Amino acid sequence: MDFLTNADHWRKRAAQTRALAAVAAKDQGRLLKVAEEYDRLAAHAEVRRSAMVPAGSYVRANQGE
């Protein structure tokens, strides 16, 4: 699994962290900040996934002409 392009992975982590924050008394604010960072990673993963070049759509640099 490529974590750089898997937005679902980061969204699940954010949801799990928010669930922990809901029952945490001491570190609730810190956990919510971590969940926000997971959401940011998910957004970046979506951008990376949409910008990926399809296989076979490029010519290798070391190929002769």
C-alpha atoms as a PDB file:
ATOM      1  CA  MET A   1       0.000   0.000   0.000  1.00  0.00           C
ATOM      2  CA  ASP A   2       1.320   3.394  -0.939  1.00  0.00           C
ATOM      3  CA  PHE A   3       0.574   5.793   1.924  1.00  0.00           C
ATOM      4  CA  LEU A   4       1.456   8.768  -0.262  1.00  0.00           C
ATOM      5  CA  THR A   5      -1.589   8.197  -2.477  1.00  0.00           C
ATOM      6  CA  ASN A   6      -3.995   6.374  -0.122  1.00  0.00           C
ATOM      7  CA  ALA A   7      -6.328   9.079   1.226  1.00  0.00           C
ATOM      8  CA  ASP A   8      -8.665   6.481   2.762  1.00  0.00           C
ATOM      9  CA  HIS A   9      -5.883   5.295   5.067  1.00  0.00           C
ATOM     10  CA  TRP A  10      -5.398   8.793   6.472  1.00  0.00           C
ATOM     11  CA  ARG A  11      -9.140   9.416   6.823  1.00  0.00           C
ATOM     12  CA  LYS A  12      -9.507   6.209   8.848  1.00  0.00           C
ATOM     13  CA  ARG A  13      -6.616   7.277  11.070  1.00  0.00           C
ATOM     14  CA  ALA A  14      -8.277  10.676  11.584  1.00  0.00           C
ATOM     15  CA  ALA A  15     -11.572   9.016  12.543  1.00  0.00           C
ATOM     16  CA  GLN A  16      -9.837   6.666  14.985  1.00  0.00           C
ATOM     17  CA  THR A  17      -7.977   9.556  16.564  1.00  0.00           C
ATOM     18  CA  ARG A  18     -11.181  11.589  16.943  1.00  0.00           C
ATOM     19  CA  ALA A  19     -12.813   8.583  18.617  1.00  0.00           C
ATOM     20  CA  LEU A  20      -9.916   8.469  21.074  1.00  0.00           C
ATOM     21  CA  ALA A  21     -10.224  12.200  21.670  1.00  0.00           C
ATOM     22  CA  ALA A  22     -13.925  11.804  22.497  1.00  0.00           C
ATOM     23  CA  VAL A  23     -13.100   9.659  25.531  1.00  0.00           C
ATOM     24  CA  ALA A  24      -9.789  11.280  26.494  1.00  0.00           C
ATOM     25  CA  ALA A  25      -9.851  13.675  29.384  1.00  0.00           C
ATOM     26  CA  LYS A  26      -6.273  14.867  29.429  1.00  0.00           C
ATOM     27  CA  ASP A  27      -4.999  15.041  25.835  1.00  0.00           C
ATOM     28  CA  GLN A  28      -8.208  15.739  23.912  1.00  0.00           C
ATOM     29  CA  GLY A  29      -6.900  18.920  22.261  1.00  0.00           C
ATOM     30  CA  ARG A  30      -3.667  17.287  21.206  1.00  0.00           C
ATOM     31  CA  LEU A  31      -5.495  14.303  19.718  1.00  0.00           C
ATOM     32  CA  LEU A  32      -7.809  16.585  17.742  1.00  0.00           C
ATOM     33  CA  LYS A  33      -4.770  18.378  16.300  1.00  0.00           C
ATOM     34  CA  VAL A  34      -3.321  15.023  15.244  1.00  0.00           C
ATOM     35  CA  ALA A  35      -6.635  14.155  13.576  1.00  0.00           C
ATOM     36  CA  GLU A  36      -6.475  17.438  11.650  1.00  0.00           C
ATOM     37  CA  GLU A  37      -2.986  16.539  10.438  1.00  0.00           C
ATOM     38  CA  TYR A  38      -4.278  13.159   9.237  1.00  0.00           C
ATOM     39  CA  ASP A  39      -6.964  15.035   7.287  1.00  0.00           C
ATOM     40  CA  ARG A  40      -4.245  17.187   5.703  1.00  0.00           C
ATOM     41  CA  LEU A  41      -2.316  14.051   4.732  1.00  0.00           C
ATOM     42  CA  ALA A  42      -5.494  12.652   3.150  1.00  0.00           C
ATOM     43  CA  ALA A  43      -5.912  15.815   1.081  1.00  0.00           C
ATOM     44  CA  HIS A  44      -2.292  15.642  -0.067  1.00  0.00           C
ATOM     45  CA  ALA A  45      -2.706  11.945  -0.922  1.00  0.00           C
ATOM     46  CA  GLU A  46      -5.688  12.793  -3.144  1.00  0.00           C
ATOM     47  CA  VAL A  47      -3.624  15.374  -5.003  1.00  0.00           C
ATOM     48  CA  ARG A  48      -0.770  12.905  -5.476  1.00  0.00           C
ATOM     49  CA  ARG A  49      -3.145  10.191  -6.697  1.00  0.00           C
ATOM     50  CA  SER A  50      -4.772  12.478  -9.245  1.00  0.00           C
ATOM     51  CA  ALA A  51      -1.389  13.704 -10.490  1.00  0.00           C
ATOM     52  CA  MET A  52       0.083  10.236 -11.047  1.00  0.00           C
ATOM     53  CA  VAL A  53       1.258   9.477 -14.573  1.00  0.00           C
ATOM     54  CA  PRO A  54      -0.355   6.328 -16.016  1.00  0.00           C
ATOM     55  CA  ALA A  55       2.042   3.444 -16.664  1.00  0.00           C
ATOM     56  CA  GLY A  56       3.306   3.314 -20.233  1.00  0.00           C
ATOM     57  CA  SER A  57       2.517   6.951 -20.951  1.00  0.00           C
ATOM     58  CA  TYR A  58       6.125   8.078 -20.809  1.00  0.00           C
ATOM     59  CA  VAL A  59       9.365   7.239 -22.580  1.00  0.00           C
ATOM     60  CA  ARG A  60      12.326   6.214 -20.454  1.00  0.00           C
ATOM     61  CA  ALA A  61      15.189   8.705 -20.552  1.00  0.00           C
ATOM     62  CA  ASN A  62      17.823   6.086 -21.422  1.00  0.00           C
ATOM     63  CA  GLN A  63      16.029   4.788 -24.535  1.00  0.00           C
ATOM     64  CA  GLY A  64      17.859   5.423 -27.769  1.00  0.00           C
ATOM     65  CA  GLU A  65      16.203   7.227 -30.626  1.00  0.00           C
END
